[in-house]
C-alpha atoms as a PDB file:
ATOM      1  CA  UNK A   1      -2.526 -24.148  -8.981  1.00  0.00           C
ATOM      2  CA  UNK A   2      -0.982 -21.917 -11.564  1.00  0.00           C
ATOM      3  CA  UNK A   3      -1.467 -18.580 -10.206  1.00  0.00           C
ATOM      4  CA  UNK A   4      -0.762 -15.082 -12.397  1.00  0.00           C
ATOM      5  CA  UNK A   5       0.707 -12.195 -11.543  1.00  0.00           C
ATOM      6  CA  UNK A   6       0.344  -8.296 -12.635  1.00  0.00           C
ATOM      7  CA  UNK A   7       2.160  -5.663 -11.417  1.00  0.00           C
ATOM      8  CA  UNK A   8       6.110  -6.179 -10.450  1.00  0.00           C
ATOM      9  CA  UNK A   9       6.423  -2.818  -8.351  1.00  0.00           C
ATOM     10  CA  UNK A  10       7.533  -2.351  -4.930  1.00  0.00           C
ATOM     11  CA  UNK A  11       5.384  -4.051  -3.324  1.00  0.00           C
ATOM     12  CA  UNK A  12       4.559  -6.412  -6.680  1.00  0.00           C
ATOM     13  CA  UNK A  13       7.874  -7.933  -7.124  1.00  0.00           C
ATOM     14  CA  UNK A  14       8.626  -9.561  -3.399  1.00  0.00           C
ATOM     15  CA  UNK A  15       5.410 -10.521  -3.086  1.00  0.00           C
ATOM     16  CA  UNK A  16       5.550 -12.477  -6.533  1.00  0.00           C
ATOM     17  CA  UNK A  17       9.219 -13.491  -5.402  1.00  0.00           C
ATOM     18  CA  UNK A  18       7.684 -14.852  -2.295  1.00  0.00           C
ATOM     19  CA  UNK A  19       5.132 -17.450  -4.188  1.00  0.00           C
ATOM     20  CA  UNK A  20       7.582 -18.667  -6.324  1.00  0.00           C
ATOM     21  CA  UNK A  21       9.430 -19.229  -3.561  1.00  0.00           C
ATOM     22  CA  UNK A  22       6.285 -21.235  -1.549  1.00  0.00           C
ATOM     23  CA  UNK A  23       6.595 -23.370  -4.732  1.00  0.00           C
ATOM     24  CA  UNK A  24       3.651 -21.937  -7.513  1.00  0.00           C
ATOM     25  CA  UNK A  25       3.953 -21.985 -10.783  1.00  0.00           C
ATOM     26  CA  UNK A  26       3.937 -17.917 -11.865  1.00  0.00           C
ATOM     27  CA  UNK A  27       3.200 -16.715 -14.681  1.00  0.00           C
ATOM     28  CA  UNK A  28       4.317 -12.555 -14.418  1.00  0.00           C
ATOM     29  CA  UNK A  29       3.703  -9.938 -16.656  1.00  0.00           C
ATOM     30  CA  UNK A  30       4.554  -5.922 -15.748  1.00  0.00           C
ATOM     31  CA  UNK A  31       4.777  -2.654 -17.977  1.00  0.00           C
ATOM     32  CA  UNK A  32       8.300  -2.206 -17.704  1.00  0.00           C
ATOM     33  CA  UNK A  33       9.458  -5.659 -19.168  1.00  0.00           C
ATOM     34  CA  UNK A  34      12.277  -5.582 -17.169  1.00  0.00           C
ATOM     35  CA  UNK A  35      10.640  -5.316 -13.695  1.00  0.00           C
ATOM     36  CA  UNK A  36       9.544  -9.102 -14.950  1.00  0.00           C
ATOM     37  CA  UNK A  37      13.087 -11.043 -16.529  1.00  0.00           C
ATOM     38  CA  UNK A  38      14.816 -11.236 -12.761  1.00  0.00           C
ATOM     39  CA  UNK A  39      11.449 -12.938 -11.759  1.00  0.00           C
ATOM     40  CA  UNK A  40      11.742 -15.237 -14.441  1.00  0.00           C
ATOM     41  CA  UNK A  41      15.383 -16.044 -13.875  1.00  0.00           C
ATOM     42  CA  UNK A  42      13.802 -17.270 -10.679  1.00  0.00           C
ATOM     43  CA  UNK A  43      11.771 -19.049 -12.482  1.00  0.00           C
ATOM     44  CA  UNK A  44       8.701 -17.485 -13.519  1.00  0.00           C
ATOM     45  CA  UNK A  45       7.458 -17.426 -17.104  1.00  0.00           C
ATOM     46  CA  UNK A  46       6.984 -14.020 -18.823  1.00  0.00           C
ATOM     47  CA  UNK A  47       3.538 -13.470 -20.352  1.00  0.00           C
ATOM     48  CA  UNK A  48       3.579 -10.254 -22.685  1.00  0.00           C
ATOM     49  CA  UNK A  49       0.068  -9.098 -21.605  1.00  0.00           C
ATOM     50  CA  UNK A  50      -2.481  -9.818 -19.697  1.00  0.00           C
ATOM     51  CA  UNK A  51      -5.126 -11.650 -21.590  1.00  0.00           C
ATOM     52  CA  UNK A  52      -2.006 -14.402 -21.972  1.00  0.00           C
ATOM     53  CA  UNK A  53      -1.338 -14.670 -18.356  1.00  0.00           C
ATOM     54  CA  UNK A  54      -5.233 -15.025 -17.745  1.00  0.00           C
ATOM     55  CA  UNK A  55      -5.326 -18.014 -20.030  1.00  0.00           C
ATOM     56  CA  UNK A  56      -2.405 -19.846 -18.451  1.00  0.00           C
ATOM     57  CA  UNK A  57      -3.246 -19.206 -14.504  1.00  0.00           C
ATOM     58  CA  UNK A  58      -6.687 -20.602 -12.630  1.00  0.00           C
ATOM     59  CA  UNK A  59      -5.909 -17.443 -10.478  1.00  0.00           C
ATOM     60  CA  UNK A  60      -4.519 -14.232 -11.627  1.00  0.00           C
ATOM     61  CA  UNK A  61      -3.281 -11.622  -8.997  1.00  0.00           C
ATOM     62  CA  UNK A  62      -2.954  -8.147 -10.067  1.00  0.00           C
ATOM     63  CA  UNK A  63      -0.709  -5.151  -7.679  1.00  0.00           C
ATOM     64  CA  UNK A  64      -1.255  -1.857  -9.868  1.00  0.00           C
ATOM     65  CA  UNK A  65      -1.236   1.127  -8.874  1.00  0.00           C
ATOM     66  CA  UNK A  66      -4.695   2.479  -9.509  1.00  0.00           C
ATOM     67  CA  UNK A  67      -8.274   2.330 -10.582  1.00  0.00           C
ATOM     68  CA  UNK A  68      -7.654   3.091 -14.420  1.00  0.00           C
ATOM     69  CA  UNK A  69      -4.996   0.910 -14.267  1.00  0.00           C
ATOM     70  CA  UNK A  70      -6.548  -2.321 -12.848  1.00  0.00           C
ATOM     71  CA  UNK A  71      -9.658  -1.323 -15.624  1.00  0.00           C
ATOM     72  CA  UNK A  72      -7.181  -1.152 -17.782  1.00  0.00           C
ATOM     73  CA  UNK A  73      -5.775  -4.675 -17.064  1.00  0.00           C
ATOM     74  CA  UNK A  74      -8.482  -6.334 -16.323  1.00  0.00           C
ATOM     75  CA  UNK A  75     -11.135  -5.099 -19.077  1.00  0.00           C
ATOM     76  CA  UNK A  76      -9.293  -3.576 -21.760  1.00  0.00           C
ATOM     77  CA  UNK A  77      -8.246  -5.269 -25.068  1.00  0.00           C
ATOM     78  CA  UNK A  78      -5.766  -7.316 -24.204  1.00  0.00           C
ATOM     79  CA  UNK A  79      -6.713  -8.102 -21.020  1.00  0.00           C
ATOM     80  CA  UNK A  80      -7.762 -10.606 -18.335  1.00  0.00           C
ATOM     81  CA  UNK A  81     -11.742 -11.097 -19.166  1.00  0.00           C
ATOM     82  CA  UNK A  82     -10.248 -11.532 -22.687  1.00  0.00           C
ATOM     83  CA  UNK A  83      -8.323 -14.644 -21.700  1.00  0.00           C
ATOM     84  CA  UNK A  84     -10.359 -16.084 -17.867  1.00  0.00           C
ATOM     85  CA  UNK A  85     -11.487 -19.121 -18.733  1.00  0.00           C
ATOM     86  CA  UNK A  86     -14.816 -20.082 -16.548  1.00  0.00           C
ATOM     87  CA  UNK A  87     -13.754 -20.469 -13.322  1.00  0.00           C
ATOM     88  CA  UNK A  88     -11.174 -18.858 -12.546  1.00  0.00           C
ATOM     89  CA  UNK A  89     -10.124 -16.620 -10.017  1.00  0.00           C
ATOM     90  CA  UNK A  90      -9.297 -12.861 -10.373  1.00  0.00           C
ATOM     91  CA  UNK A  91      -8.022 -11.159  -6.710  1.00  0.00           C
ATOM     92  CA  UNK A  92      -6.920  -7.681  -7.326  1.00  0.00           C
ATOM     93  CA  UNK A  93      -5.001  -6.333  -4.747  1.00  0.00           C
ATOM     94  CA  UNK A  94      -4.412  -2.871  -5.785  1.00  0.00           C
ATOM     95  CA  UNK A  95      -5.471  -0.117  -3.761  1.00  0.00           C
ATOM     96  CA  UNK A  96      -8.253   1.080  -5.789  1.00  0.00           C
ATOM     97  CA  UNK A  97     -11.935   2.680  -5.478  1.00  0.00           C
ATOM     98  CA  UNK A  98     -14.627   0.347  -4.043  1.00  0.00           C
ATOM     99  CA  UNK A  99     -16.923   1.704  -6.244  1.00  0.00           C
ATOM    100  CA  UNK A 100     -14.570   0.391  -9.013  1.00  0.00           C
ATOM    101  CA  UNK A 101     -14.080  -2.954  -7.085  1.00  0.00           C
ATOM    102  CA  UNK A 102     -17.808  -3.411  -6.865  1.00  0.00           C
ATOM    103  CA  UNK A 103     -18.190  -2.914 -10.890  1.00  0.00           C
ATOM    104  CA  UNK A 104     -15.258  -5.199 -11.920  1.00  0.00           C
ATOM    105  CA  UNK A 105     -16.481  -7.324  -9.464  1.00  0.00           C
ATOM    106  CA  UNK A 106     -20.241  -7.451 -11.085  1.00  0.00           C
ATOM    107  CA  UNK A 107     -18.782  -7.877 -14.927  1.00  0.00           C
ATOM    108  CA  UNK A 108     -16.399 -10.884 -13.268  1.00  0.00           C
ATOM    109  CA  UNK A 109     -19.700 -12.566 -12.283  1.00  0.00           C
ATOM    110  CA  UNK A 110     -21.068 -11.838 -15.074  1.00  0.00           C
ATOM    111  CA  UNK A 111     -18.144 -14.306 -17.174  1.00  0.00           C
ATOM    112  CA  UNK A 112     -18.706 -16.707 -14.490  1.00  0.00           C
ATOM    113  CA  UNK A 113     -14.959 -15.445 -13.033  1.00  0.00           C
ATOM    114  CA  UNK A 114     -14.456 -15.411  -9.615  1.00  0.00           C
ATOM    115  CA  UNK A 115     -13.312 -12.330  -8.078  1.00  0.00           C
ATOM    116  CA  UNK A 116     -11.781 -10.577  -4.963  1.00  0.00           C
ATOM    117  CA  UNK A 117     -10.583  -7.231  -3.148  1.00  0.00           C
ATOM    118  CA  UNK A 118      -8.122  -7.885  -1.005  1.00  0.00           C
ATOM    119  CA  UNK A 119      -5.651  -4.985  -0.536  1.00  0.00           C
ATOM    120  CA  UNK A 120      -2.718  -4.934   2.141  1.00  0.00           C
ATOM    121  CA  UNK A 121      -0.931  -2.977   4.232  1.00  0.00           C
ATOM    122  CA  UNK A 122       2.785  -3.112   5.665  1.00  0.00           C
ATOM    123  CA  UNK A 123       4.767  -1.594   2.933  1.00  0.00           C
ATOM    124  CA  UNK A 124       7.762  -2.870   1.374  1.00  0.00           C
ATOM    125  CA  UNK A 125       9.259  -4.928   4.563  1.00  0.00           C
ATOM    126  CA  UNK A 126       5.709  -6.828   4.533  1.00  0.00           C
ATOM    127  CA  UNK A 127       5.210  -7.709   1.297  1.00  0.00           C
ATOM    128  CA  UNK A 128       9.751  -9.566   1.523  1.00  0.00           C
ATOM    129  CA  UNK A 129       9.029 -10.836   4.470  1.00  0.00           C
ATOM    130  CA  UNK A 130       5.470 -12.058   3.540  1.00  0.00           C
ATOM    131  CA  UNK A 131       3.894 -10.215   6.826  1.00  0.00           C
ATOM    132  CA  UNK A 132       1.190  -8.404   5.182  1.00  0.00           C
ATOM    133  CA  UNK A 133      -2.293  -7.474   6.587  1.00  0.00           C
ATOM    134  CA  UNK A 134      -5.085  -8.175   4.187  1.00  0.00           C
ATOM    135  CA  UNK A 135      -8.296  -7.554   3.914  1.00  0.00           C
ATOM    136  CA  UNK A 136     -10.717  -9.172   1.426  1.00  0.00           C
ATOM    137  CA  UNK A 137     -14.000  -8.656   0.248  1.00  0.00           C
ATOM    138  CA  UNK A 138     -15.923 -10.847  -2.300  1.00  0.00           C
ATOM    139  CA  UNK A 139     -17.591 -14.208  -1.436  1.00  0.00           C
ATOM    140  CA  UNK A 140     -16.412 -16.247   1.242  1.00  0.00           C
ATOM    141  CA  UNK A 141     -16.569 -19.542  -1.305  1.00  0.00           C
ATOM    142  CA  UNK A 142     -13.312 -17.695  -2.857  1.00  0.00           C
ATOM    143  CA  UNK A 143     -12.383 -16.137  -0.226  1.00  0.00           C
ATOM    144  CA  UNK A 144     -11.661 -20.110   0.781  1.00  0.00           C
ATOM    145  CA  UNK A 145     -10.118 -21.025  -2.413  1.00  0.00           C
ATOM    146  CA  UNK A 146      -7.393 -17.855  -2.081  1.00  0.00           C
ATOM    147  CA  UNK A 147      -6.196 -18.691   1.629  1.00  0.00           C
ATOM    148  CA  UNK A 148      -3.217 -20.621   0.861  1.00  0.00           C
ATOM    149  CA  UNK A 149      -1.668 -17.905  -1.290  1.00  0.00           C
ATOM    150  CA  UNK A 150      -3.044 -15.196   1.491  1.00  0.00           C
ATOM    151  CA  UNK A 151      -1.007 -17.260   3.989  1.00  0.00           C
ATOM    152  CA  UNK A 152       2.317 -17.037   1.666  1.00  0.00           C
ATOM    153  CA  UNK A 153       2.018 -13.029   1.395  1.00  0.00           C
ATOM    154  CA  UNK A 154       0.756 -12.065   5.390  1.00  0.00           C
ATOM    155  CA  UNK A 155       0.056 -12.646   8.145  1.00  0.00           C
ATOM    156  CA  UNK A 156      -3.006 -11.442   9.003  1.00  0.00           C
ATOM    157  CA  UNK A 157      -5.787 -12.358   6.712  1.00  0.00           C
ATOM    158  CA  UNK A 158      -9.534 -11.068   6.774  1.00  0.00           C
ATOM    159  CA  UNK A 159     -12.512 -11.650   5.278  1.00  0.00           C
ATOM    160  CA  UNK A 160     -14.117  -8.104   6.110  1.00  0.00           C
ATOM    161  CA  UNK A 161     -17.573  -8.082   3.420  1.00  0.00           C
ATOM    162  CA  UNK A 162     -18.716  -8.777  -0.279  1.00  0.00           C
ATOM    163  CA  UNK A 163     -17.148  -7.453  -2.721  1.00  0.00           C
ATOM    164  CA  UNK A 164     -15.685  -3.759  -2.049  1.00  0.00           C
ATOM    165  CA  UNK A 165     -15.690  -3.715   1.224  1.00  0.00           C
ATOM    166  CA  UNK A 166     -11.831  -4.572   1.239  1.00  0.00           C
ATOM    167  CA  UNK A 167     -11.135  -1.207  -0.384  1.00  0.00           C
ATOM    168  CA  UNK A 168     -13.212   0.335   2.270  1.00  0.00           C
ATOM    169  CA  UNK A 169     -11.360  -1.136   5.234  1.00  0.00           C
ATOM    170  CA  UNK A 170      -7.906  -0.293   3.313  1.00  0.00           C
ATOM    171  CA  UNK A 171      -9.421   3.171   2.903  1.00  0.00           C
ATOM    172  CA  UNK A 172      -9.853   3.407   6.916  1.00  0.00           C
ATOM    173  CA  UNK A 173      -5.879   1.811   6.960  1.00  0.00           C
ATOM    174  CA  UNK A 174      -4.747   4.512   4.951  1.00  0.00           C
ATOM    175  CA  UNK A 175      -6.435   7.297   7.065  1.00  0.00           C
ATOM    176  CA  UNK A 176      -4.733   5.937  10.376  1.00  0.00           C
ATOM    177  CA  UNK A 177      -1.401   5.532   9.061  1.00  0.00           C
ATOM    178  CA  UNK A 178      -1.585   8.894   7.303  1.00  0.00           C
ATOM    179  CA  UNK A 179      -2.744  10.556  11.029  1.00  0.00           C
ATOM    180  CA  UNK A 180      -0.235   8.936  12.541  1.00  0.00           C
ATOM    181  CA  UNK A 181       2.733  10.063  10.471  1.00  0.00           C
ATOM    182  CA  UNK A 182       1.597  13.448  10.341  1.00  0.00           C
ATOM    183  CA  UNK A 183       1.463  13.199  14.634  1.00  0.00           C
ATOM    184  CA  UNK A 184       4.706  11.611  14.969  1.00  0.00           C
ATOM    185  CA  UNK A 185       6.577  14.375  12.439  1.00  0.00           C
ATOM    186  CA  UNK A 186       4.853  16.827  15.166  1.00  0.00           C
ATOM    187  CA  UNK A 187       5.951  15.251  18.167  1.00  0.00           C
ATOM    188  CA  UNK A 188       8.987  14.788  16.587  1.00  0.00           C
ATOM    189  CA  UNK A 189       9.562  18.264  15.549  1.00  0.00           C
ATOM    190  CA  UNK A 190       8.477  19.864  18.711  1.00  0.00           C
ATOM    191  CA  UNK A 191      10.165  17.358  21.033  1.00  0.00           C
ATOM    192  CA  UNK A 192      13.469  17.928  19.276  1.00  0.00           C
ATOM    193  CA  UNK A 193      13.594  21.854  18.958  1.00  0.00           C
ATOM    194  CA  UNK A 194      12.829  21.996  22.299  1.00  0.00           C
ATOM    195  CA  UNK A 195      15.774  20.047  23.049  1.00  0.00           C
ATOM    196  CA  UNK A 196      14.736  16.455  23.569  1.00  0.00           C
ATOM    197  CA  UNK A 197      16.892  13.617  21.890  1.00  0.00           C
ATOM    198  CA  UNK A 198      14.523  12.190  18.752  1.00  0.00           C
ATOM    199  CA  UNK A 199      15.068   8.661  19.290  1.00  0.00           C
ATOM    200  CA  UNK A 200      14.513   8.861  22.886  1.00  0.00           C
ATOM    201  CA  UNK A 201      11.343  10.475  22.442  1.00  0.00           C
ATOM    202  CA  UNK A 202      10.040   7.775  20.095  1.00  0.00           C
ATOM    203  CA  UNK A 203      11.093   4.884  22.577  1.00  0.00           C
ATOM    204  CA  UNK A 204       9.510   6.473  25.275  1.00  0.00           C
ATOM    205  CA  UNK A 205       6.304   7.125  23.524  1.00  0.00           C
ATOM    206  CA  UNK A 206       6.533   3.162  22.154  1.00  0.00           C
ATOM    207  CA  UNK A 207       6.397   2.204  25.455  1.00  0.00           C
ATOM    208  CA  UNK A 208       2.756   3.934  26.333  1.00  0.00           C
ATOM    209  CA  UNK A 209      -0.342   4.417  25.042  1.00  0.00           C
ATOM    210  CA  UNK A 210       1.091   6.534  22.111  1.00  0.00           C
ATOM    211  CA  UNK A 211       3.034   3.032  20.908  1.00  0.00           C
ATOM    212  CA  UNK A 212       2.080   2.040  17.601  1.00  0.00           C
ATOM    213  CA  UNK A 213       3.033   0.484  13.864  1.00  0.00           C
ATOM    214  CA  UNK A 214       4.321   3.443  12.196  1.00  0.00           C
ATOM    215  CA  UNK A 215       7.378   4.653  15.000  1.00  0.00           C
ATOM    216  CA  UNK A 216       8.089   0.993  14.921  1.00  0.00           C
ATOM    217  CA  UNK A 217       8.391   0.253  11.235  1.00  0.00           C
ATOM    218  CA  UNK A 218       9.303   3.799  10.283  1.00  0.00           C
ATOM    219  CA  UNK A 219      11.874   4.627  12.829  1.00  0.00           C
ATOM    220  CA  UNK A 220      14.750   5.240  10.960  1.00  0.00           C
ATOM    221  CA  UNK A 221      12.992   6.763   8.439  1.00  0.00           C
ATOM    222  CA  UNK A 222      12.062   9.535  10.561  1.00  0.00           C
ATOM    223  CA  UNK A 223      15.634   9.581  12.508  1.00  0.00           C
ATOM    224  CA  UNK A 224      17.770   9.015   9.675  1.00  0.00           C
ATOM    225  CA  UNK A 225      15.732  11.121   6.670  1.00  0.00           C
ATOM    226  CA  UNK A 226      15.877   8.188   4.960  1.00  0.00           C
ATOM    227  CA  UNK A 227      12.850   8.336   2.843  1.00  0.00           C
ATOM    228  CA  UNK A 228      13.621   5.976  -0.145  1.00  0.00           C
ATOM    229  CA  UNK A 229       9.904   4.702  -0.925  1.00  0.00           C
ATOM    230  CA  UNK A 230       8.569   1.933   0.696  1.00  0.00           C
ATOM    231  CA  UNK A 231       5.775   3.142   0.078  1.00  0.00           C
ATOM    232  CA  UNK A 232       5.833   6.397  -2.197  1.00  0.00           C
ATOM    233  CA  UNK A 233       4.011   9.426  -1.079  1.00  0.00           C
ATOM    234  CA  UNK A 234       1.974  10.308  -3.924  1.00  0.00           C
ATOM    235  CA  UNK A 235       0.390   6.492  -3.704  1.00  0.00           C
ATOM    236  CA  UNK A 236      -0.762   7.339   0.014  1.00  0.00           C
ATOM    237  CA  UNK A 237      -1.941  11.071  -1.395  1.00  0.00           C
ATOM    238  CA  UNK A 238      -4.346   8.918  -4.222  1.00  0.00           C
ATOM    239  CA  UNK A 239      -5.615   6.773  -1.405  1.00  0.00           C
ATOM    240  CA  UNK A 240      -6.777   9.384   1.049  1.00  0.00           C
ATOM    241  CA  UNK A 241      -8.493  10.715  -2.343  1.00  0.00           C
ATOM    242  CA  UNK A 242     -10.194   7.605  -2.182  1.00  0.00           C
ATOM    243  CA  UNK A 243     -11.207   7.821   1.860  1.00  0.00           C
ATOM    244  CA  UNK A 244     -12.408  11.536   1.159  1.00  0.00           C
ATOM    245  CA  UNK A 245     -14.674  10.132  -1.566  1.00  0.00           C
ATOM    246  CA  UNK A 246     -15.872   7.738   0.029  1.00  0.00           C
ATOM    247  CA  UNK A 247     -16.935  10.300   3.049  1.00  0.00           C
ATOM    248  CA  UNK A 248     -18.830  12.145   0.688  1.00  0.00           C
ATOM    249  CA  UNK A 249     -20.293   9.526  -0.868  1.00  0.00           C
ATOM    250  CA  UNK A 250     -21.957   8.059   2.263  1.00  0.00           C
ATOM    251  CA  UNK A 251     -22.161  11.531   4.186  1.00  0.00           C
ATOM    252  CA  UNK A 252     -18.695  10.907   6.695  1.00  0.00           C
ATOM    253  CA  UNK A 253     -16.800  13.995   7.886  1.00  0.00           C
ATOM    254  CA  UNK A 254     -13.589  13.438   8.155  1.00  0.00           C
ATOM    255  CA  UNK A 255     -11.215  16.612   9.051  1.00  0.00           C
ATOM    256  CA  UNK A 256      -7.958  14.958  10.041  1.00  0.00           C
ATOM    257  CA  UNK A 257      -8.036  13.085   6.687  1.00  0.00           C
ATOM    258  CA  UNK A 258      -8.926  16.570   4.842  1.00  0.00           C
ATOM    259  CA  UNK A 259      -5.412  18.357   7.028  1.00  0.00           C
ATOM    260  CA  UNK A 260      -3.340  14.569   5.877  1.00  0.00           C
ATOM    261  CA  UNK A 261      -4.163  15.052   2.244  1.00  0.00           C
ATOM    262  CA  UNK A 262      -3.321  18.765   1.854  1.00  0.00           C
ATOM    263  CA  UNK A 263       0.111  17.944   3.912  1.00  0.00           C
ATOM    264  CA  UNK A 264       0.813  15.580   1.096  1.00  0.00           C
ATOM    265  CA  UNK A 265      -0.153  16.800  -1.633  1.00  0.00           C
ATOM    266  CA  UNK A 266       1.847  20.079  -0.667  1.00  0.00           C
ATOM    267  CA  UNK A 267       4.845  17.647  -0.902  1.00  0.00           C
ATOM    268  CA  UNK A 268       3.372  16.223  -4.243  1.00  0.00           C
ATOM    269  CA  UNK A 269       3.279  19.303  -5.372  1.00  0.00           C
ATOM    270  CA  UNK A 270       7.067  19.982  -4.732  1.00  0.00           C
ATOM    271  CA  UNK A 271       8.190  17.019  -7.073  1.00  0.00           C
ATOM    272  CA  UNK A 272       8.265  14.796  -3.887  1.00  0.00           C
ATOM    273  CA  UNK A 273       5.458  12.061  -4.379  1.00  0.00           C
ATOM    274  CA  UNK A 274       7.892   9.763  -5.118  1.00  0.00           C
ATOM    275  CA  UNK A 275       9.535   9.511  -2.197  1.00  0.00           C
ATOM    276  CA  UNK A 276       8.442   7.532   1.126  1.00  0.00           C
ATOM    277  CA  UNK A 277       4.977   8.473   2.825  1.00  0.00           C
ATOM    278  CA  UNK A 278       7.268   9.437   5.838  1.00  0.00           C
ATOM    279  CA  UNK A 279       8.336  12.575   4.034  1.00  0.00           C
ATOM    280  CA  UNK A 280       5.646  14.289   5.508  1.00  0.00           C
ATOM    281  CA  UNK A 281       8.364  15.142   8.310  1.00  0.00           C
ATOM    282  CA  UNK A 282       9.985  17.744   6.813  1.00  0.00           C
ATOM    283  CA  UNK A 283       6.930  19.627   5.774  1.00  0.00           C
ATOM    284  CA  UNK A 284       6.609  20.119   9.276  1.00  0.00           C
ATOM    285  CA  UNK A 285       9.752  21.096   9.301  1.00  0.00           C
ATOM    286  CA  UNK A 286      10.089  23.600   7.270  1.00  0.00           C
ATOM    287  CA  UNK A 287       7.001  25.083   8.660  1.00  0.00           C
ATOM    288  CA  UNK A 288       8.828  25.021  11.971  1.00  0.00           C
ATOM    289  CA  UNK A 289      12.441  25.912  10.691  1.00  0.00           C
ATOM    290  CA  UNK A 290      14.330  22.931  12.498  1.00  0.00           C
ATOM    291  CA  UNK A 291      15.529  19.258  11.190  1.00  0.00           C
ATOM    292  CA  UNK A 292      15.457  17.057  13.818  1.00  0.00           C
ATOM    293  CA  UNK A 293      18.234  15.612  12.499  1.00  0.00           C
ATOM    294  CA  UNK A 294      20.102  18.553  13.566  1.00  0.00           C
ATOM    295  CA  UNK A 295      20.045  17.009  16.786  1.00  0.00           C
ATOM    296  CA  UNK A 296      22.817  17.294  18.992  1.00  0.00           C
ATOM    297  CA  UNK A 297      22.047  17.618  22.316  1.00  0.00           C
ATOM    298  CA  UNK A 298      21.813  21.179  22.524  1.00  0.00           C
ATOM    299  CA  UNK A 299      20.008  22.793  25.658  1.00  0.00           C
ATOM    300  CA  UNK A 300      16.394  24.029  25.119  1.00  0.00           C
ATOM    301  CA  UNK A 301      17.996  27.523  26.086  1.00  0.00           C
ATOM    302  CA  UNK A 302      19.696  27.302  23.105  1.00  0.00           C
ATOM    303  CA  UNK A 303      16.782  25.724  20.984  1.00  0.00           C
ATOM    304  CA  UNK A 304      13.960  28.428  22.200  1.00  0.00           C
ATOM    305  CA  UNK A 305      16.883  31.055  21.123  1.00  0.00           C
ATOM    306  CA  UNK A 306      17.402  29.912  17.851  1.00  0.00           C
ATOM    307  CA  UNK A 307      21.108  29.434  18.761  1.00  0.00           C
END
């Protein structure tokens, strides 16, 4: 199986690298050509545009920022549709609108192409380690065909329904992750300003009902104020927009999602959209006028007195 991979960003590059290491012959393309050069040195072949990727591949994977990017790469000039052979399979692993996913899937079927929407969760660590959670929408026969590739890229691989269902579940995922980041941020700022070591707060909460993957995977981000992007804030903000649009479309009120969306939007407006999504912590800190990495074992009385 010859595999094409388009989109070599924070997530795409390590995913493509894992496929190379698993023995797949990879044809790659990225808008910024230099990002493909590293993979070429590792054995991949570069293509000048998505059409050429499709011409040389049995399966084409896309990992792109947003719906317009996917539409352009798939159905634009020199796009995948222009080069894909009948019977080829397109797997979009981006996070985009389920409406767009269903539209592209319909157009793919009209061309006798298979298509899956297969967004992922797990961030950069999951992409590097091949432990992503992959939620897949589309025909079962196409899912079965893609399963060997998914096994290289992820640990939890679930067929969740027909075309667009993967994107719906990803929207649900992003709602929970954003809400948890916000809740952990509030807990850490409250606890630390009240005089408790924030490391002990995470350790203690992790052992009970409040334990969650966000605290496990993003522990150092919170405690060390390390906001080097594993998943960019502006992308998560985009994802919450997708979730809110879906809520409006299907008549579901999403009040907690709206709050998280506003918090993220405030940081994006400050020009901080390229930081990791755990930077939501800093907005809670600003409102409290307290940084948790300033904690130094001060007493509760000193903290409450503002000393």
